[in-house]
């Protein structure tokens, strides 16, 4: 278990456990995009959680506040590659902070924690994607040092 301290608040950062899944799904649902694409049926989320948790290249984080409530999450994946002289990339996905915990620095503290996690495991580059409609997230990531350097494409399968 790790912790991040933001101002006078301490947050526990740890590997998510199956019991955290409903709270993590609630965080994913708590935005306009998630509200339209997430569901209340836990079966698919629990299957996905087990697959993520079984793969050592993935880390799904649950962040708890002092009261023990889940107030944040993110999924980290280490991606080995040939480009950039065989660089390992840290892929950061599904970053969410509860509405009542936003604006105080927790998001930046979590990214800093993720960067340290990646560096400790040999990653030399952090990358993430965010939906083009999330303009607040874009500003946040730019302030955190990320550059919109690539164009991403997605296709349903």
N, C-alpha and C. Protein backbone atom coordinates (compact mmCIF):
# COMPACT_ATOMS: atom_id res chain seq x y z
N UNK A 1 0.85 -1.18 0.00
CA UNK A 1 0.00 0.00 0.00
C UNK A 1 0.88 1.24 0.00
N UNK A 2 0.51 2.18 -0.83
CA UNK A 2 1.20 3.47 -0.89
C UNK A 2 0.21 4.55 -0.48
N UNK A 3 0.74 5.73 -0.34
CA UNK A 3 -0.12 6.86 -0.03
C UNK A 3 0.37 8.07 -0.80
N UNK A 4 -0.57 8.95 -1.10
CA UNK A 4 -0.22 10.27 -1.61
C UNK A 4 -0.83 11.28 -0.65
N UNK A 5 -0.09 12.35 -0.43
CA UNK A 5 -0.57 13.40 0.45
C UNK A 5 -0.78 14.64 -0.39
N UNK A 6 -1.97 15.20 -0.27
CA UNK A 6 -2.33 16.40 -1.01
C UNK A 6 -2.80 17.42 0.03
N UNK A 7 -1.98 18.46 0.22
CA UNK A 7 -2.29 19.40 1.29
C UNK A 7 -2.23 18.68 2.62
N UNK A 8 -3.32 18.71 3.34
CA UNK A 8 -3.39 18.01 4.62
C UNK A 8 -4.11 16.68 4.52
N UNK A 9 -4.51 16.32 3.31
CA UNK A 9 -5.26 15.07 3.11
C UNK A 9 -4.34 13.94 2.65
N UNK A 10 -4.56 12.77 3.22
CA UNK A 10 -3.80 11.57 2.87
C UNK A 10 -4.74 10.61 2.16
N UNK A 11 -4.28 10.06 1.05
CA UNK A 11 -5.05 9.11 0.27
C UNK A 11 -4.26 7.81 0.14
N UNK A 12 -4.93 6.71 0.35
CA UNK A 12 -4.32 5.40 0.20
C UNK A 12 -4.42 4.98 -1.27
N UNK A 13 -3.29 4.58 -1.84
CA UNK A 13 -3.23 4.11 -3.22
C UNK A 13 -2.84 2.65 -3.18
N UNK A 14 -3.71 1.78 -3.69
CA UNK A 14 -3.39 0.36 -3.65
C UNK A 14 -4.01 -0.37 -4.83
N UNK A 15 -3.53 -1.58 -5.05
CA UNK A 15 -4.09 -2.45 -6.08
C UNK A 15 -5.56 -2.69 -5.73
N UNK A 16 -6.42 -2.51 -6.71
CA UNK A 16 -7.84 -2.75 -6.47
C UNK A 16 -8.08 -4.23 -6.20
N UNK A 17 -9.09 -4.49 -5.40
CA UNK A 17 -9.54 -5.85 -5.14
C UNK A 17 -10.97 -5.98 -5.67
N UNK A 18 -11.41 -7.20 -5.81
CA UNK A 18 -12.72 -7.44 -6.43
C UNK A 18 -13.84 -6.66 -5.74
N UNK A 19 -13.75 -6.50 -4.44
CA UNK A 19 -14.79 -5.78 -3.70
C UNK A 19 -14.85 -4.29 -4.08
N UNK A 20 -13.78 -3.78 -4.69
CA UNK A 20 -13.75 -2.38 -5.12
C UNK A 20 -14.49 -2.15 -6.44
N UNK A 21 -14.76 -3.20 -7.18
CA UNK A 21 -15.28 -3.04 -8.54
C UNK A 21 -16.54 -2.19 -8.61
N UNK A 22 -17.57 -2.39 -7.77
CA UNK A 22 -18.74 -1.51 -7.88
C UNK A 22 -18.41 -0.02 -7.69
N UNK A 23 -17.52 0.30 -6.78
CA UNK A 23 -17.14 1.70 -6.57
C UNK A 23 -16.35 2.24 -7.76
N UNK A 24 -15.51 1.40 -8.37
CA UNK A 24 -14.74 1.83 -9.54
C UNK A 24 -15.68 2.06 -10.72
N UNK A 25 -16.65 1.19 -10.90
CA UNK A 25 -17.63 1.37 -11.97
C UNK A 25 -18.44 2.65 -11.74
N UNK A 26 -18.76 2.94 -10.49
CA UNK A 26 -19.48 4.17 -10.18
C UNK A 26 -18.66 5.39 -10.60
N UNK A 27 -17.35 5.35 -10.40
CA UNK A 27 -16.50 6.46 -10.85
C UNK A 27 -16.51 6.57 -12.37
N UNK A 28 -16.46 5.43 -13.07
CA UNK A 28 -16.49 5.45 -14.53
C UNK A 28 -17.81 5.99 -15.06
N UNK A 29 -18.88 5.75 -14.32
CA UNK A 29 -20.21 6.18 -14.74
C UNK A 29 -20.48 7.65 -14.45
N UNK A 30 -19.71 8.23 -13.55
CA UNK A 30 -19.96 9.60 -13.09
C UNK A 30 -19.39 10.66 -14.03
N UNK A 31 -19.73 10.57 -15.29
CA UNK A 31 -19.43 11.63 -16.26
C UNK A 31 -20.35 11.43 -17.46
N UNK A 32 -20.50 12.43 -18.31
CA UNK A 32 -21.45 12.32 -19.41
C UNK A 32 -21.18 11.13 -20.35
N UNK A 33 -19.93 10.85 -20.66
CA UNK A 33 -19.63 9.72 -21.54
C UNK A 33 -19.90 8.38 -20.83
N UNK A 34 -19.42 8.26 -19.63
CA UNK A 34 -19.60 7.02 -18.89
C UNK A 34 -21.04 6.72 -18.58
N UNK A 35 -21.82 7.75 -18.32
CA UNK A 35 -23.23 7.55 -18.01
C UNK A 35 -23.95 6.87 -19.16
N UNK A 36 -23.49 7.13 -20.39
CA UNK A 36 -24.15 6.54 -21.54
C UNK A 36 -23.58 5.21 -21.99
N UNK A 37 -22.41 4.83 -21.50
CA UNK A 37 -21.82 3.58 -22.01
C UNK A 37 -21.59 2.51 -20.94
N UNK A 38 -21.62 2.88 -19.68
CA UNK A 38 -21.44 1.88 -18.62
C UNK A 38 -22.79 1.30 -18.23
N UNK A 39 -22.76 0.15 -17.56
CA UNK A 39 -24.02 -0.50 -17.17
C UNK A 39 -23.97 -0.85 -15.70
N UNK A 40 -25.11 -1.19 -15.15
CA UNK A 40 -25.20 -1.58 -13.74
C UNK A 40 -24.97 -3.06 -13.53
N UNK A 41 -24.85 -3.83 -14.58
CA UNK A 41 -24.62 -5.27 -14.50
C UNK A 41 -23.15 -5.52 -14.20
N UNK A 42 -22.85 -6.06 -13.02
CA UNK A 42 -21.46 -6.21 -12.58
C UNK A 42 -20.72 -7.37 -13.21
N UNK A 43 -21.42 -8.35 -13.77
CA UNK A 43 -20.76 -9.53 -14.34
C UNK A 43 -19.63 -9.22 -15.30
N UNK A 44 -19.86 -8.40 -16.33
CA UNK A 44 -18.77 -8.09 -17.26
C UNK A 44 -17.59 -7.36 -16.60
N UNK A 45 -17.89 -6.50 -15.65
CA UNK A 45 -16.82 -5.77 -14.96
C UNK A 45 -15.99 -6.71 -14.09
N UNK A 46 -16.65 -7.66 -13.43
CA UNK A 46 -15.91 -8.61 -12.60
C UNK A 46 -15.04 -9.52 -13.45
N UNK A 47 -15.54 -9.95 -14.60
CA UNK A 47 -14.72 -10.76 -15.51
C UNK A 47 -13.51 -9.96 -15.98
N UNK A 48 -13.73 -8.70 -16.35
CA UNK A 48 -12.62 -7.85 -16.80
C UNK A 48 -11.63 -7.62 -15.67
N UNK A 49 -12.14 -7.37 -14.46
CA UNK A 49 -11.26 -7.16 -13.32
C UNK A 49 -10.34 -8.36 -13.12
N UNK A 50 -10.90 -9.57 -13.16
CA UNK A 50 -10.10 -10.78 -12.95
C UNK A 50 -9.02 -10.92 -14.01
N UNK A 51 -9.33 -10.59 -15.24
CA UNK A 51 -8.34 -10.67 -16.30
C UNK A 51 -7.22 -9.65 -16.10
N UNK A 52 -7.60 -8.42 -15.74
CA UNK A 52 -6.62 -7.37 -15.45
C UNK A 52 -5.74 -7.79 -14.28
N UNK A 53 -6.37 -8.27 -13.23
CA UNK A 53 -5.66 -8.60 -12.00
C UNK A 53 -4.71 -9.79 -12.18
N UNK A 54 -5.03 -10.68 -13.11
CA UNK A 54 -4.20 -11.86 -13.35
C UNK A 54 -2.96 -11.56 -14.21
N UNK A 55 -2.92 -10.39 -14.85
CA UNK A 55 -1.82 -10.07 -15.77
C UNK A 55 -0.85 -9.13 -15.06
N UNK A 56 0.40 -9.56 -14.86
CA UNK A 56 1.35 -8.72 -14.10
C UNK A 56 1.72 -7.41 -14.80
N UNK A 57 1.40 -7.25 -16.07
CA UNK A 57 1.69 -5.98 -16.76
C UNK A 57 0.61 -4.93 -16.51
N UNK A 58 -0.48 -5.34 -15.86
CA UNK A 58 -1.58 -4.41 -15.57
C UNK A 58 -1.66 -4.14 -14.07
N UNK A 59 -2.04 -2.93 -13.75
CA UNK A 59 -2.30 -2.58 -12.35
C UNK A 59 -3.53 -1.67 -12.33
N UNK A 60 -4.58 -2.14 -11.69
CA UNK A 60 -5.78 -1.34 -11.50
C UNK A 60 -5.74 -0.80 -10.08
N UNK A 61 -5.83 0.52 -9.98
CA UNK A 61 -5.65 1.22 -8.70
C UNK A 61 -7.01 1.62 -8.12
N UNK A 62 -7.13 1.47 -6.82
CA UNK A 62 -8.24 2.05 -6.05
C UNK A 62 -7.63 3.05 -5.09
N UNK A 63 -8.16 4.25 -5.06
CA UNK A 63 -7.67 5.32 -4.19
C UNK A 63 -8.74 5.59 -3.14
N UNK A 64 -8.34 5.53 -1.88
CA UNK A 64 -9.29 5.74 -0.78
C UNK A 64 -8.91 6.98 0.02
N UNK A 65 -9.95 7.68 0.45
CA UNK A 65 -9.72 8.86 1.29
C UNK A 65 -9.63 8.43 2.76
N UNK A 66 -9.50 9.39 3.65
CA UNK A 66 -9.35 9.10 5.07
C UNK A 66 -10.53 8.37 5.69
N UNK A 67 -11.71 8.50 5.08
CA UNK A 67 -12.90 7.81 5.57
C UNK A 67 -13.01 6.40 5.00
N UNK A 68 -12.09 6.04 4.08
CA UNK A 68 -12.13 4.71 3.48
C UNK A 68 -12.94 4.62 2.20
N UNK A 69 -13.45 5.76 1.73
CA UNK A 69 -14.24 5.75 0.50
C UNK A 69 -13.34 5.76 -0.72
N UNK A 70 -13.74 5.02 -1.76
CA UNK A 70 -13.00 5.02 -3.02
C UNK A 70 -13.28 6.34 -3.73
N UNK A 71 -12.22 7.13 -3.95
CA UNK A 71 -12.38 8.45 -4.57
C UNK A 71 -11.56 8.60 -5.85
N UNK A 72 -10.90 7.53 -6.27
CA UNK A 72 -10.11 7.62 -7.49
C UNK A 72 -9.73 6.26 -8.01
N UNK A 73 -9.39 6.24 -9.29
CA UNK A 73 -8.93 5.02 -9.92
C UNK A 73 -8.12 5.35 -11.16
N UNK A 74 -7.35 4.41 -11.61
CA UNK A 74 -6.69 4.46 -12.90
C UNK A 74 -6.15 3.06 -13.18
N UNK A 75 -5.99 2.77 -14.46
CA UNK A 75 -5.40 1.50 -14.86
C UNK A 75 -4.07 1.78 -15.53
N UNK A 76 -3.05 1.08 -15.08
CA UNK A 76 -1.70 1.24 -15.62
C UNK A 76 -1.31 -0.06 -16.33
N UNK A 77 -0.72 0.09 -17.51
CA UNK A 77 -0.26 -1.07 -18.28
C UNK A 77 1.14 -0.78 -18.79
N UNK A 78 2.03 -1.74 -18.60
CA UNK A 78 3.39 -1.64 -19.13
C UNK A 78 3.41 -2.31 -20.50
N UNK A 79 3.82 -1.53 -21.52
CA UNK A 79 3.82 -2.00 -22.90
C UNK A 79 5.24 -2.03 -23.44
N UNK A 80 5.82 -3.22 -23.59
CA UNK A 80 7.14 -3.27 -24.22
C UNK A 80 6.98 -3.01 -25.72
N UNK A 81 7.99 -2.42 -26.32
CA UNK A 81 7.92 -2.13 -27.75
C UNK A 81 9.29 -2.12 -28.38
N UNK A 82 9.30 -2.20 -29.70
CA UNK A 82 10.55 -2.13 -30.44
C UNK A 82 10.97 -0.69 -30.72
N UNK A 83 9.99 0.18 -30.94
CA UNK A 83 10.34 1.56 -31.28
C UNK A 83 10.98 2.26 -30.09
N UNK A 84 11.64 3.38 -30.39
CA UNK A 84 12.36 4.14 -29.37
C UNK A 84 13.41 3.28 -28.68
N UNK A 85 14.10 2.50 -29.50
CA UNK A 85 15.19 1.63 -29.02
C UNK A 85 14.71 0.61 -27.99
N UNK A 86 13.54 0.03 -28.25
CA UNK A 86 13.02 -1.01 -27.36
C UNK A 86 12.42 -0.48 -26.07
N UNK A 87 11.87 0.72 -26.13
CA UNK A 87 11.35 1.36 -24.93
C UNK A 87 10.08 0.68 -24.41
N UNK A 88 9.96 0.69 -23.11
CA UNK A 88 8.71 0.29 -22.45
C UNK A 88 7.90 1.56 -22.20
N UNK A 89 6.63 1.48 -22.52
CA UNK A 89 5.72 2.62 -22.30
C UNK A 89 4.80 2.31 -21.13
N UNK A 90 4.47 3.34 -20.41
CA UNK A 90 3.45 3.24 -19.37
C UNK A 90 2.16 3.80 -19.96
N UNK A 91 1.18 2.95 -20.15
CA UNK A 91 -0.13 3.37 -20.65
C UNK A 91 -1.00 3.65 -19.44
N UNK A 92 -1.57 4.84 -19.39
CA UNK A 92 -2.44 5.25 -18.28
C UNK A 92 -3.84 5.39 -18.84
N UNK A 93 -4.79 4.67 -18.27
CA UNK A 93 -6.16 4.68 -18.76
C UNK A 93 -7.14 4.84 -17.60
N UNK A 94 -8.34 5.24 -17.96
CA UNK A 94 -9.48 5.29 -17.04
C UNK A 94 -9.16 6.04 -15.75
N UNK A 95 -8.53 7.20 -15.90
CA UNK A 95 -8.23 8.04 -14.73
C UNK A 95 -9.53 8.71 -14.31
N UNK A 96 -9.92 8.49 -13.08
CA UNK A 96 -11.13 9.12 -12.57
C UNK A 96 -10.90 9.54 -11.13
N UNK A 97 -11.39 10.72 -10.79
CA UNK A 97 -11.40 11.22 -9.42
C UNK A 97 -12.83 11.62 -9.12
N UNK A 98 -13.33 11.22 -7.97
CA UNK A 98 -14.70 11.53 -7.57
C UNK A 98 -14.93 13.04 -7.59
N UNK A 99 -16.13 13.43 -7.96
CA UNK A 99 -16.46 14.85 -8.11
C UNK A 99 -16.10 15.66 -6.87
N UNK A 100 -16.37 15.12 -5.68
CA UNK A 100 -16.11 15.90 -4.47
C UNK A 100 -14.62 15.90 -4.07
N UNK A 101 -13.78 15.17 -4.81
CA UNK A 101 -12.34 15.16 -4.53
C UNK A 101 -11.55 15.89 -5.62
N UNK A 102 -12.24 16.44 -6.62
CA UNK A 102 -11.56 17.13 -7.72
C UNK A 102 -11.15 18.54 -7.32
N UNK A 103 -10.13 19.04 -8.00
CA UNK A 103 -9.73 20.42 -7.84
C UNK A 103 -8.75 20.67 -6.71
N UNK A 104 -8.39 19.63 -5.97
CA UNK A 104 -7.49 19.83 -4.84
C UNK A 104 -6.09 19.29 -5.05
N UNK A 105 -5.82 18.73 -6.24
CA UNK A 105 -4.49 18.23 -6.52
C UNK A 105 -4.35 16.71 -6.51
N UNK A 106 -5.44 15.99 -6.23
CA UNK A 106 -5.35 14.53 -6.18
C UNK A 106 -5.02 13.96 -7.56
N UNK A 107 -5.62 14.47 -8.62
CA UNK A 107 -5.34 13.96 -9.96
C UNK A 107 -3.86 14.07 -10.31
N UNK A 108 -3.26 15.22 -10.04
CA UNK A 108 -1.83 15.40 -10.32
C UNK A 108 -0.99 14.47 -9.45
N UNK A 109 -1.36 14.32 -8.19
CA UNK A 109 -0.62 13.42 -7.31
C UNK A 109 -0.69 11.98 -7.82
N UNK A 110 -1.83 11.58 -8.36
CA UNK A 110 -1.95 10.23 -8.90
C UNK A 110 -1.10 10.04 -10.15
N UNK A 111 -1.08 11.05 -11.02
CA UNK A 111 -0.21 10.95 -12.19
C UNK A 111 1.25 10.88 -11.77
N UNK A 112 1.64 11.68 -10.79
CA UNK A 112 3.03 11.62 -10.30
C UNK A 112 3.34 10.23 -9.76
N UNK A 113 2.39 9.65 -9.02
CA UNK A 113 2.57 8.31 -8.48
C UNK A 113 2.72 7.31 -9.63
N UNK A 114 1.87 7.44 -10.65
CA UNK A 114 1.92 6.54 -11.81
C UNK A 114 3.26 6.66 -12.54
N UNK A 115 3.76 7.88 -12.70
CA UNK A 115 5.05 8.08 -13.37
C UNK A 115 6.17 7.39 -12.59
N UNK A 116 6.15 7.52 -11.27
CA UNK A 116 7.15 6.84 -10.44
C UNK A 116 7.03 5.33 -10.59
N UNK A 117 5.80 4.83 -10.60
CA UNK A 117 5.56 3.39 -10.79
C UNK A 117 6.17 2.93 -12.11
N UNK A 118 5.90 3.66 -13.18
CA UNK A 118 6.43 3.29 -14.50
C UNK A 118 7.94 3.33 -14.54
N UNK A 119 8.53 4.42 -14.05
CA UNK A 119 10.00 4.54 -14.05
C UNK A 119 10.64 3.39 -13.28
N UNK A 120 10.05 3.02 -12.15
CA UNK A 120 10.60 1.94 -11.33
C UNK A 120 10.56 0.60 -12.05
N UNK A 121 9.74 0.50 -13.09
CA UNK A 121 9.61 -0.74 -13.85
C UNK A 121 10.18 -0.62 -15.26
N UNK A 122 11.02 0.40 -15.46
CA UNK A 122 11.75 0.53 -16.70
C UNK A 122 11.06 1.30 -17.82
N UNK A 123 9.92 1.90 -17.56
CA UNK A 123 9.24 2.67 -18.59
C UNK A 123 9.96 4.00 -18.81
N UNK A 124 10.07 4.40 -20.06
CA UNK A 124 10.73 5.66 -20.38
C UNK A 124 9.77 6.68 -20.96
N UNK A 125 8.50 6.30 -21.14
CA UNK A 125 7.50 7.18 -21.73
C UNK A 125 6.14 6.85 -21.12
N UNK A 126 5.40 7.87 -20.75
CA UNK A 126 4.02 7.68 -20.30
C UNK A 126 3.10 8.20 -21.40
N UNK A 127 2.04 7.45 -21.66
CA UNK A 127 1.08 7.87 -22.67
C UNK A 127 -0.32 7.58 -22.17
N UNK A 128 -1.26 8.34 -22.69
CA UNK A 128 -2.66 8.14 -22.33
C UNK A 128 -3.53 8.61 -23.47
N UNK A 129 -4.76 8.19 -23.43
CA UNK A 129 -5.75 8.70 -24.37
C UNK A 129 -6.91 9.26 -23.58
N UNK A 130 -7.59 10.19 -24.19
CA UNK A 130 -8.79 10.75 -23.59
C UNK A 130 -9.72 11.13 -24.72
N UNK A 131 -10.99 11.03 -24.48
CA UNK A 131 -11.97 11.35 -25.51
C UNK A 131 -11.85 12.81 -25.92
N UNK A 132 -12.02 13.08 -27.19
CA UNK A 132 -11.85 14.46 -27.68
C UNK A 132 -12.85 15.43 -27.07
N UNK A 133 -13.98 14.94 -26.54
CA UNK A 133 -14.97 15.84 -25.95
C UNK A 133 -14.64 16.24 -24.51
N UNK A 134 -13.65 15.62 -23.90
CA UNK A 134 -13.31 15.90 -22.50
C UNK A 134 -12.31 17.07 -22.43
N UNK A 135 -12.78 18.23 -22.74
CA UNK A 135 -11.89 19.39 -22.81
C UNK A 135 -11.27 19.74 -21.45
N UNK A 136 -11.99 19.53 -20.37
CA UNK A 136 -11.40 19.77 -19.04
C UNK A 136 -10.24 18.81 -18.81
N UNK A 137 -10.41 17.55 -19.21
CA UNK A 137 -9.33 16.57 -19.06
C UNK A 137 -8.14 16.97 -19.91
N UNK A 138 -8.38 17.48 -21.11
CA UNK A 138 -7.28 17.90 -21.98
C UNK A 138 -6.44 18.97 -21.28
N UNK A 139 -7.11 19.96 -20.71
CA UNK A 139 -6.38 21.03 -20.01
C UNK A 139 -5.59 20.46 -18.84
N UNK A 140 -6.20 19.54 -18.10
CA UNK A 140 -5.52 18.93 -16.97
C UNK A 140 -4.27 18.19 -17.43
N UNK A 141 -4.37 17.38 -18.47
CA UNK A 141 -3.22 16.61 -18.94
C UNK A 141 -2.13 17.53 -19.49
N UNK A 142 -2.51 18.59 -20.16
CA UNK A 142 -1.50 19.55 -20.65
C UNK A 142 -0.77 20.21 -19.49
N UNK A 143 -1.49 20.58 -18.44
CA UNK A 143 -0.84 21.15 -17.26
C UNK A 143 0.10 20.15 -16.61
N UNK A 144 -0.20 18.86 -16.75
CA UNK A 144 0.63 17.80 -16.17
C UNK A 144 1.82 17.45 -17.05
N UNK A 145 1.98 18.15 -18.18
CA UNK A 145 3.14 17.95 -19.02
C UNK A 145 2.93 17.07 -20.24
N UNK A 146 1.72 16.64 -20.48
CA UNK A 146 1.43 15.82 -21.65
C UNK A 146 1.21 16.70 -22.87
N UNK A 147 1.61 16.20 -24.02
CA UNK A 147 1.41 16.90 -25.29
C UNK A 147 0.51 16.07 -26.17
N UNK A 148 -0.42 16.72 -26.84
CA UNK A 148 -1.29 16.04 -27.80
C UNK A 148 -0.50 15.83 -29.09
N UNK A 149 0.37 14.82 -29.07
CA UNK A 149 1.35 14.64 -30.14
C UNK A 149 0.92 13.66 -31.22
N UNK A 150 -0.13 12.90 -30.99
CA UNK A 150 -0.56 11.88 -31.92
C UNK A 150 -2.06 11.98 -32.17
N UNK A 151 -2.51 11.37 -33.23
CA UNK A 151 -3.93 11.25 -33.50
C UNK A 151 -4.29 9.78 -33.28
N UNK A 152 -5.30 9.53 -32.50
CA UNK A 152 -5.72 8.16 -32.23
C UNK A 152 -6.98 7.81 -32.99
N UNK A 153 -7.12 6.54 -33.30
CA UNK A 153 -8.30 6.04 -33.99
C UNK A 153 -8.83 4.83 -33.23
N UNK A 154 -10.14 4.68 -33.21
CA UNK A 154 -10.76 3.51 -32.58
C UNK A 154 -11.80 2.96 -33.52
N UNK A 155 -12.03 1.67 -33.40
CA UNK A 155 -13.04 1.02 -34.23
C UNK A 155 -13.67 -0.10 -33.42
N UNK A 156 -14.97 -0.15 -33.39
CA UNK A 156 -15.62 -1.29 -32.71
C UNK A 156 -15.29 -2.59 -33.43
N UNK A 157 -15.14 -3.66 -32.69
CA UNK A 157 -14.91 -4.98 -33.27
C UNK A 157 -16.10 -5.89 -33.03
